[in-house]
C-alpha atoms as a PDB file:
ATOM      1  CA  MET A   1     110.417 120.265  58.256  1.00  0.00           C
ATOM      2  CA  PRO A   2     107.888 122.680  56.712  1.00  0.00           C
ATOM      3  CA  ALA A   3     105.049 122.979  58.979  1.00  0.00           C
ATOM      4  CA  PRO A   4     101.487 120.546  57.181  1.00  0.00           C
ATOM      5  CA  PRO A   5      99.018 123.211  55.747  1.00  0.00           C
ATOM      6  CA  ALA A   6      96.798 123.973  58.279  1.00  0.00           C
ATOM      7  CA  LYS A   7      93.255 122.126  58.142  1.00  0.00           C
ATOM      8  CA  THR A   8      90.045 123.872  57.715  1.00  0.00           C
ATOM      9  CA  ILE A   9      87.960 124.086  59.956  1.00  0.00           C
ATOM     10  CA  PRO A  10      83.585 124.558  58.705  1.00  0.00           C
ATOM     11  CA  GLN A  11      82.458 127.493  59.573  1.00  0.00           C
ATOM     12  CA  PRO A  12      79.606 127.191  62.338  1.00  0.00           C
ATOM     13  CA  LEU A  13      76.039 127.697  60.543  1.00  0.00           C
ATOM     14  CA  ARG A  14      73.225 129.487  63.350  1.00  0.00           C
ATOM     15  CA  HIS A  15      71.916 132.404  61.958  1.00  0.00           C
ATOM     16  CA  LEU A  16      71.320 132.514  57.929  1.00  0.00           C
ATOM     17  CA  ALA A  17      69.668 136.110  56.209  1.00  0.00           C
ATOM     18  CA  VAL A  18      68.621 136.572  53.122  1.00  0.00           C
ATOM     19  CA  ILE A  19      67.530 138.937  50.970  1.00  0.00           C
ATOM     20  CA  VAL A  20      64.569 137.895  48.639  1.00  0.00           C
ATOM     21  CA  ASP A  21      66.033 140.495  45.593  1.00  0.00           C
ATOM     22  CA  GLY A  22      63.735 140.076  42.280  1.00  0.00           C
ATOM     23  CA  ASN A  23      61.350 138.581  42.565  1.00  0.00           C
ATOM     24  CA  ARG A  24      59.907 141.654  40.222  1.00  0.00           C
ATOM     25  CA  ARG A  25      62.272 141.526  37.562  1.00  0.00           C
ATOM     26  CA  TRP A  26      62.240 137.842  37.093  1.00  0.00           C
ATOM     27  CA  ALA A  27      58.297 137.795  36.428  1.00  0.00           C
ATOM     28  CA  LEU A  28      59.079 141.143  33.190  1.00  0.00           C
ATOM     29  CA  GLN A  29      61.571 138.961  32.592  1.00  0.00           C
ATOM     30  CA  HIS A  30      59.000 135.782  31.709  1.00  0.00           C
ATOM     31  CA  ASP A  31      56.045 138.689  31.046  1.00  0.00           C
ATOM     32  CA  LEU A  32      54.477 137.608  33.732  1.00  0.00           C
ATOM     33  CA  PRO A  33      52.245 140.397  36.521  1.00  0.00           C
ATOM     34  CA  ALA A  34      54.433 141.251  39.787  1.00  0.00           C
ATOM     35  CA  ILE A  35      51.880 139.790  40.893  1.00  0.00           C
ATOM     36  CA  THR A  36      52.968 136.156  40.128  1.00  0.00           C
ATOM     37  CA  GLY A  37      56.700 137.067  40.679  1.00  0.00           C
ATOM     38  CA  TYR A  38      55.686 137.839  44.573  1.00  0.00           C
ATOM     39  CA  ARG A  39      54.073 134.871  44.744  1.00  0.00           C
ATOM     40  CA  THR A  40      56.889 132.597  42.723  1.00  0.00           C
ATOM     41  CA  GLY A  41      58.943 134.055  45.204  1.00  0.00           C
ATOM     42  CA  GLY A  42      56.303 132.764  48.502  1.00  0.00           C
ATOM     43  CA  GLN A  43      56.604 129.177  47.236  1.00  0.00           C
ATOM     44  CA  ARG A  44      60.311 129.679  47.387  1.00  0.00           C
ATOM     45  CA  VAL A  45      60.920 130.601  51.527  1.00  0.00           C
ATOM     46  CA  LEU A  46      58.891 128.034  51.581  1.00  0.00           C
ATOM     47  CA  GLU A  47      61.205 125.718  50.135  1.00  0.00           C
ATOM     48  CA  LEU A  48      63.815 128.079  51.303  1.00  0.00           C
ATOM     49  CA  LEU A  49      62.824 126.788  55.387  1.00  0.00           C
ATOM     50  CA  THR A  50      62.196 123.455  54.763  1.00  0.00           C
ATOM     51  CA  TRP A  51      65.540 123.520  53.020  1.00  0.00           C
ATOM     52  CA  CYS A  52      67.454 125.073  56.348  1.00  0.00           C
ATOM     53  CA  ASP A  53      65.303 122.660  58.794  1.00  0.00           C
ATOM     54  CA  SER A  54      67.110 119.583  57.492  1.00  0.00           C
ATOM     55  CA  ILE A  55      70.294 121.844  58.972  1.00  0.00           C
ATOM     56  CA  ASP A  56      70.257 121.112  62.395  1.00  0.00           C
ATOM     57  CA  GLU A  57      73.289 123.829  63.014  1.00  0.00           C
ATOM     58  CA  ILE A  58      70.530 126.716  61.604  1.00  0.00           C
ATOM     59  CA  THR A  59      69.097 127.571  64.311  1.00  0.00           C
ATOM     60  CA  THR A  60      67.672 131.427  63.047  1.00  0.00           C
ATOM     61  CA  VAL A  61      66.189 132.899  59.691  1.00  0.00           C
ATOM     62  CA  THR A  62      65.739 136.293  58.970  1.00  0.00           C
ATOM     63  CA  LEU A  63      64.022 137.412  55.322  1.00  0.00           C
ATOM     64  CA  TRP A  64      63.950 140.383  54.513  1.00  0.00           C
ATOM     65  CA  SER A  65      60.873 140.856  52.206  1.00  0.00           C
ATOM     66  CA  LEU A  66      59.518 144.824  52.423  1.00  0.00           C
ATOM     67  CA  SER A  67      61.816 147.476  53.420  1.00  0.00           C
ATOM     68  CA  THR A  68      60.216 151.284  54.489  1.00  0.00           C
ATOM     69  CA  GLU A  69      61.353 152.413  51.148  1.00  0.00           C
ATOM     70  CA  ASN A  70      59.190 149.379  50.044  1.00  0.00           C
ATOM     71  CA  LEU A  71      56.451 151.612  51.168  1.00  0.00           C
ATOM     72  CA  ARG A  72      56.042 154.410  47.881  1.00  0.00           C
ATOM     73  CA  ARG A  73      55.310 151.894  45.361  1.00  0.00           C
ATOM     74  CA  GLY A  74      52.241 152.030  44.158  1.00  0.00           C
ATOM     75  CA  GLN A  75      49.078 151.221  46.025  1.00  0.00           C
ATOM     76  CA  SER A  76      47.946 148.422  43.522  1.00  0.00           C
ATOM     77  CA  GLU A  77      51.458 146.683  43.710  1.00  0.00           C
ATOM     78  CA  LEU A  78      51.468 147.601  47.291  1.00  0.00           C
ATOM     79  CA  ALA A  79      48.501 145.917  48.242  1.00  0.00           C
ATOM     80  CA  ASP A  80      49.547 142.394  45.833  1.00  0.00           C
ATOM     81  CA  LEU A  81      53.061 142.642  47.411  1.00  0.00           C
ATOM     82  CA  LEU A  82      50.894 142.655  51.256  1.00  0.00           C
ATOM     83  CA  SER A  83      49.039 140.040  51.091  1.00  0.00           C
ATOM     84  CA  VAL A  84      51.962 137.565  49.683  1.00  0.00           C
ATOM     85  CA  ILE A  85      53.644 138.634  52.513  1.00  0.00           C
ATOM     86  CA  THR A  86      50.492 137.776  54.912  1.00  0.00           C
ATOM     87  CA  GLU A  87      49.466 134.804  52.754  1.00  0.00           C
ATOM     88  CA  THR A  88      53.634 133.333  53.470  1.00  0.00           C
ATOM     89  CA  THR A  89      53.421 134.265  57.002  1.00  0.00           C
ATOM     90  CA  GLU A  90      50.641 131.982  57.454  1.00  0.00           C
ATOM     91  CA  LYS A  91      51.853 129.364  55.620  1.00  0.00           C
ATOM     92  CA  ILE A  92      54.983 129.391  57.478  1.00  0.00           C
ATOM     93  CA  ALA A  93      53.066 129.165  60.597  1.00  0.00           C
ATOM     94  CA  ALA A  94      50.496 126.383  59.617  1.00  0.00           C
ATOM     95  CA  THR A  95      53.641 124.293  59.942  1.00  0.00           C
ATOM     96  CA  GLN A  96      54.598 124.248  63.066  1.00  0.00           C
ATOM     97  CA  ARG A  97      58.290 124.408  62.476  1.00  0.00           C
ATOM     98  CA  TRP A  98      58.842 127.612  62.678  1.00  0.00           C
ATOM     99  CA  GLN A  99      59.450 130.447  65.799  1.00  0.00           C
ATOM    100  CA  VAL A 100      57.363 133.193  63.963  1.00  0.00           C
ATOM    101  CA  ARG A 101      59.110 136.864  65.150  1.00  0.00           C
ATOM    102  CA  LEU A 102      58.480 140.676  62.846  1.00  0.00           C
ATOM    103  CA  ILE A 103      61.229 143.087  62.500  1.00  0.00           C
ATOM    104  CA  GLY A 104      60.227 145.918  61.181  1.00  0.00           C
ATOM    105  CA  SER A 105      57.871 148.969  61.745  1.00  0.00           C
ATOM    106  CA  LEU A 106      54.747 147.275  61.641  1.00  0.00           C
ATOM    107  CA  ASP A 107      52.694 150.141  62.943  1.00  0.00           C
ATOM    108  CA  ARG A 108      53.717 151.917  58.664  1.00  0.00           C
ATOM    109  CA  LEU A 109      51.441 149.357  57.492  1.00  0.00           C
ATOM    110  CA  PRO A 110      47.551 148.840  57.428  1.00  0.00           C
ATOM    111  CA  GLU A 111      46.329 147.664  60.227  1.00  0.00           C
ATOM    112  CA  GLU A 112      44.655 144.167  59.008  1.00  0.00           C
ATOM    113  CA  THR A 113      47.995 143.168  57.166  1.00  0.00           C
ATOM    114  CA  ALA A 114      49.500 143.766  60.488  1.00  0.00           C
ATOM    115  CA  ARG A 115      47.201 141.988  62.301  1.00  0.00           C
ATOM    116  CA  SER A 116      47.457 138.553  59.872  1.00  0.00           C
ATOM    117  CA  LEU A 117      51.163 139.040  60.788  1.00  0.00           C
ATOM    118  CA  ARG A 118      49.992 139.116  63.920  1.00  0.00           C
ATOM    119  CA  ASP A 119      48.552 136.461  64.893  1.00  0.00           C
ATOM    120  CA  SER A 120      50.814 133.785  63.004  1.00  0.00           C
ATOM    121  CA  VAL A 121      53.179 135.807  65.361  1.00  0.00           C
ATOM    122  CA  HIS A 122      51.270 134.456  68.233  1.00  0.00           C
ATOM    123  CA  ARG A 123      50.914 131.214  66.564  1.00  0.00           C
ATOM    124  CA  THR A 124      54.264 129.867  66.765  1.00  0.00           C
ATOM    125  CA  ARG A 125      54.722 132.111  69.753  1.00  0.00           C
ATOM    126  CA  HIS A 126      54.773 128.043  72.133  1.00  0.00           C
ATOM    127  CA  ILE A 127      57.584 126.541  69.234  1.00  0.00           C
ATOM    128  CA  THR A 128      61.250 126.497  70.420  1.00  0.00           C
ATOM    129  CA  GLY A 129      63.860 125.059  68.175  1.00  0.00           C
ATOM    130  CA  LYS A 130      64.146 127.540  65.158  1.00  0.00           C
ATOM    131  CA  VAL A 131      63.337 130.920  65.333  1.00  0.00           C
ATOM    132  CA  VAL A 132      62.546 133.139  61.091  1.00  0.00           C
ATOM    133  CA  ASN A 133      61.846 136.300  60.946  1.00  0.00           C
ATOM    134  CA  VAL A 134      59.909 138.300  59.067  1.00  0.00           C
ATOM    135  CA  ALA A 135      61.306 141.247  57.933  1.00  0.00           C
ATOM    136  CA  VAL A 136      58.363 143.776  56.170  1.00  0.00           C
ATOM    137  CA  ALA A 137      58.538 147.056  56.449  1.00  0.00           C
ATOM    138  CA  TYR A 138      62.204 147.108  57.948  1.00  0.00           C
ATOM    139  CA  GLY A 139      64.670 149.507  57.639  1.00  0.00           C
ATOM    140  CA  GLY A 140      67.990 149.314  59.410  1.00  0.00           C
ATOM    141  CA  ARG A 141      68.718 152.403  60.650  1.00  0.00           C
ATOM    142  CA  ASP A 142      65.667 153.085  61.395  1.00  0.00           C
ATOM    143  CA  GLU A 143      65.353 149.899  64.136  1.00  0.00           C
ATOM    144  CA  ILE A 144      68.375 151.448  65.028  1.00  0.00           C
ATOM    145  CA  ALA A 145      67.413 154.399  65.509  1.00  0.00           C
ATOM    146  CA  ARG A 146      63.980 152.802  67.631  1.00  0.00           C
ATOM    147  CA  ALA A 147      65.827 150.774  70.098  1.00  0.00           C
ATOM    148  CA  VAL A 148      68.552 153.955  70.814  1.00  0.00           C
ATOM    149  CA  GLN A 149      64.483 155.818  71.509  1.00  0.00           C
ATOM    150  CA  SER A 150      64.026 152.832  74.012  1.00  0.00           C
ATOM    151  CA  LEU A 151      67.142 152.908  75.277  1.00  0.00           C
ATOM    152  CA  VAL A 152      67.208 156.652  76.034  1.00  0.00           C
ATOM    153  CA  LEU A 153      63.428 156.129  77.767  1.00  0.00           C
ATOM    154  CA  ALA A 154      64.455 152.990  79.875  1.00  0.00           C
ATOM    155  CA  ARG A 155      67.407 155.020  81.180  1.00  0.00           C
ATOM    156  CA  GLN A 156      64.543 157.450  81.916  1.00  0.00           C
ATOM    157  CA  ALA A 157      62.141 154.975  83.501  1.00  0.00           C
ATOM    158  CA  ALA A 158      64.606 154.335  85.489  1.00  0.00           C
ATOM    159  CA  GLY A 159      66.279 157.600  86.302  1.00  0.00           C
ATOM    160  CA  ASP A 160      69.255 157.004  84.628  1.00  0.00           C
ATOM    161  CA  LEU A 161      70.962 159.318  82.976  1.00  0.00           C
ATOM    162  CA  LEU A 162      72.329 158.785  79.638  1.00  0.00           C
ATOM    163  CA  ARG A 163      75.763 159.694  80.174  1.00  0.00           C
ATOM    164  CA  THR A 164      78.152 156.861  77.867  1.00  0.00           C
ATOM    165  CA  VAL A 165      76.394 153.859  76.507  1.00  0.00           C
ATOM    166  CA  HIS A 166      77.766 150.683  75.616  1.00  0.00           C
ATOM    167  CA  PRO A 167      76.592 148.800  71.736  1.00  0.00           C
ATOM    168  CA  GLU A 168      75.892 145.660  73.965  1.00  0.00           C
ATOM    169  CA  GLU A 169      72.717 148.501  75.746  1.00  0.00           C
ATOM    170  CA  ILE A 170      71.390 149.978  72.100  1.00  0.00           C
ATOM    171  CA  GLY A 171      71.885 145.936  70.450  1.00  0.00           C
ATOM    172  CA  ALA A 172      69.511 144.442  73.226  1.00  0.00           C
ATOM    173  CA  HIS A 173      66.928 146.828  72.150  1.00  0.00           C
ATOM    174  CA  LEU A 174      66.754 145.981  68.780  1.00  0.00           C
ATOM    175  CA  ASP A 175      64.638 143.515  66.293  1.00  0.00           C
ATOM    176  CA  THR A 176      66.507 140.952  67.032  1.00  0.00           C
ATOM    177  CA  ALA A 177      68.176 141.114  70.653  1.00  0.00           C
ATOM    178  CA  GLY A 178      68.538 138.095  72.222  1.00  0.00           C
ATOM    179  CA  GLN A 179      69.661 136.443  68.897  1.00  0.00           C
ATOM    180  CA  PRO A 180      73.221 135.312  67.388  1.00  0.00           C
ATOM    181  CA  ASP A 181      74.224 137.928  64.506  1.00  0.00           C
ATOM    182  CA  PRO A 182      73.788 136.510  60.493  1.00  0.00           C
ATOM    183  CA  ASP A 183      76.513 134.219  59.880  1.00  0.00           C
ATOM    184  CA  LEU A 184      76.112 135.110  56.261  1.00  0.00           C
ATOM    185  CA  VAL A 185      73.837 136.929  54.073  1.00  0.00           C
ATOM    186  CA  ILE A 186      72.259 135.712  50.729  1.00  0.00           C
ATOM    187  CA  ARG A 187      71.255 138.951  48.222  1.00  0.00           C
ATOM    188  CA  THR A 188      69.660 137.643  45.355  1.00  0.00           C
ATOM    189  CA  ALA A 189      68.885 140.077  41.811  1.00  0.00           C
ATOM    190  CA  GLY A 190      72.152 140.956  41.720  1.00  0.00           C
ATOM    191  CA  GLU A 191      72.658 143.411  43.706  1.00  0.00           C
ATOM    192  CA  GLN A 192      75.963 143.886  45.753  1.00  0.00           C
ATOM    193  CA  ARG A 193      74.467 145.964  48.724  1.00  0.00           C
ATOM    194  CA  LEU A 194      73.339 145.420  51.383  1.00  0.00           C
ATOM    195  CA  SER A 195      70.467 148.329  51.092  1.00  0.00           C
ATOM    196  CA  GLY A 196      69.799 149.280  54.721  1.00  0.00           C
ATOM    197  CA  PHE A 197      69.898 145.694  56.053  1.00  0.00           C
ATOM    198  CA  MET A 198      70.459 144.883  59.512  1.00  0.00           C
ATOM    199  CA  PRO A 199      73.895 147.373  60.063  1.00  0.00           C
ATOM    200  CA  TRP A 200      74.619 146.932  63.370  1.00  0.00           C
ATOM    201  CA  GLN A 201      74.294 142.780  63.132  1.00  0.00           C
ATOM    202  CA  THR A 202      75.371 142.159  60.251  1.00  0.00           C
ATOM    203  CA  ALA A 203      78.918 144.058  61.227  1.00  0.00           C
ATOM    204  CA  TYR A 204      80.699 140.439  60.976  1.00  0.00           C
ATOM    205  CA  SER A 205      79.134 138.844  58.875  1.00  0.00           C
ATOM    206  CA  GLU A 206      79.440 136.873  54.994  1.00  0.00           C
ATOM    207  CA  PHE A 207      78.022 138.339  52.552  1.00  0.00           C
ATOM    208  CA  SER A 208      77.144 135.631  49.339  1.00  0.00           C
ATOM    209  CA  PHE A 209      76.116 138.437  46.515  1.00  0.00           C
ATOM    210  CA  THR A 210      73.744 135.781  43.321  1.00  0.00           C
ATOM    211  CA  SER A 211      72.857 137.717  40.675  1.00  0.00           C
ATOM    212  CA  ILE A 212      70.706 134.509  40.455  1.00  0.00           C
ATOM    213  CA  PRO A 213      66.449 136.620  41.429  1.00  0.00           C
ATOM    214  CA  TRP A 214      64.805 134.608  43.913  1.00  0.00           C
ATOM    215  CA  PRO A 215      62.142 133.168  42.365  1.00  0.00           C
ATOM    216  CA  ALA A 216      64.625 130.796  39.930  1.00  0.00           C
ATOM    217  CA  PHE A 217      67.466 130.381  43.799  1.00  0.00           C
ATOM    218  CA  THR A 218      67.487 126.822  43.457  1.00  0.00           C
ATOM    219  CA  HIS A 219      68.647 124.566  45.955  1.00  0.00           C
ATOM    220  CA  SER A 220      71.679 123.932  44.814  1.00  0.00           C
ATOM    221  CA  ASP A 221      72.164 127.379  44.859  1.00  0.00           C
ATOM    222  CA  PHE A 222      72.085 127.528  48.865  1.00  0.00           C
ATOM    223  CA  LEU A 223      74.197 124.727  48.769  1.00  0.00           C
ATOM    224  CA  GLU A 224      76.264 126.711  47.181  1.00  0.00           C
ATOM    225  CA  ALA A 225      76.212 129.668  49.546  1.00  0.00           C
ATOM    226  CA  LEU A 226      76.456 127.250  51.939  1.00  0.00           C
ATOM    227  CA  ALA A 227      79.975 125.132  50.979  1.00  0.00           C
ATOM    228  CA  TRP A 228      81.130 128.837  49.666  1.00  0.00           C
ATOM    229  CA  TYR A 229      80.819 129.609  53.460  1.00  0.00           C
ATOM    230  CA  ARG A 230      81.848 126.684  55.416  1.00  0.00           C
ATOM    231  CA  ARG A 231      85.694 127.254  53.220  1.00  0.00           C
ATOM    232  CA  ARG A 232      85.906 131.186  54.391  1.00  0.00           C
ATOM    233  CA  THR A 233      87.810 132.494  57.406  1.00  0.00           C
ATOM    234  CA  ARG A 234      85.810 134.785  59.475  1.00  0.00           C
ATOM    235  CA  ARG A 235      87.899 137.692  60.997  1.00  0.00           C
ATOM    236  CA  TYR A 236      86.431 139.924  63.649  1.00  0.00           C
ATOM    237  CA  GLY A 237      88.449 143.405  62.459  1.00  0.00           C
ATOM    238  CA  THR A 238      90.462 144.642  59.515  1.00  0.00           C
END
């Protein structure tokens, strides 16, 4: 007799990462100013965390809202975007449901913006269970370079010559040290690339790309991405 079909085992989903792309394009398509797109996207972030809050296995969410490349945008538009990121992070902290952490190079941000973001981290430091990483002024190569530099300095301080380096050592100096790597990465707005997002941590992640811009991303779209992920058979290698 032929063997019975293998039973599909749902894939665990502990860490969800989202590249919240398409806010400005969505606004342009609707003949709206860019700031409206950013604000609508910020509201969608709050909704996403509500959706994730109802799923016990999701303990970590990473939101990429501003890359190092985005810092080159015009001064006025960048100020609008930073204000929305700051306001949205403050609202996340106000829910007292998620511990806020920051990943990226905050020293590249205006002092007032960095101070506000750090205040949100401080106000949620006591929360356990669920973590949201706000990736701001973040670039993957920049993160790895900072991790290596941190490792070198730590080795020097310990009087240990840097003759060999193990991947685990670099991982311990990344912005996400101690967290599970992303299981699923969702990118909205049609681009099918990571653009430098968490290259180290996403080595074995599953990727869900959608043409829907972030402000138009719905709960149904979220559930569809999760259902697709659970049907996947993850392979750690070729």
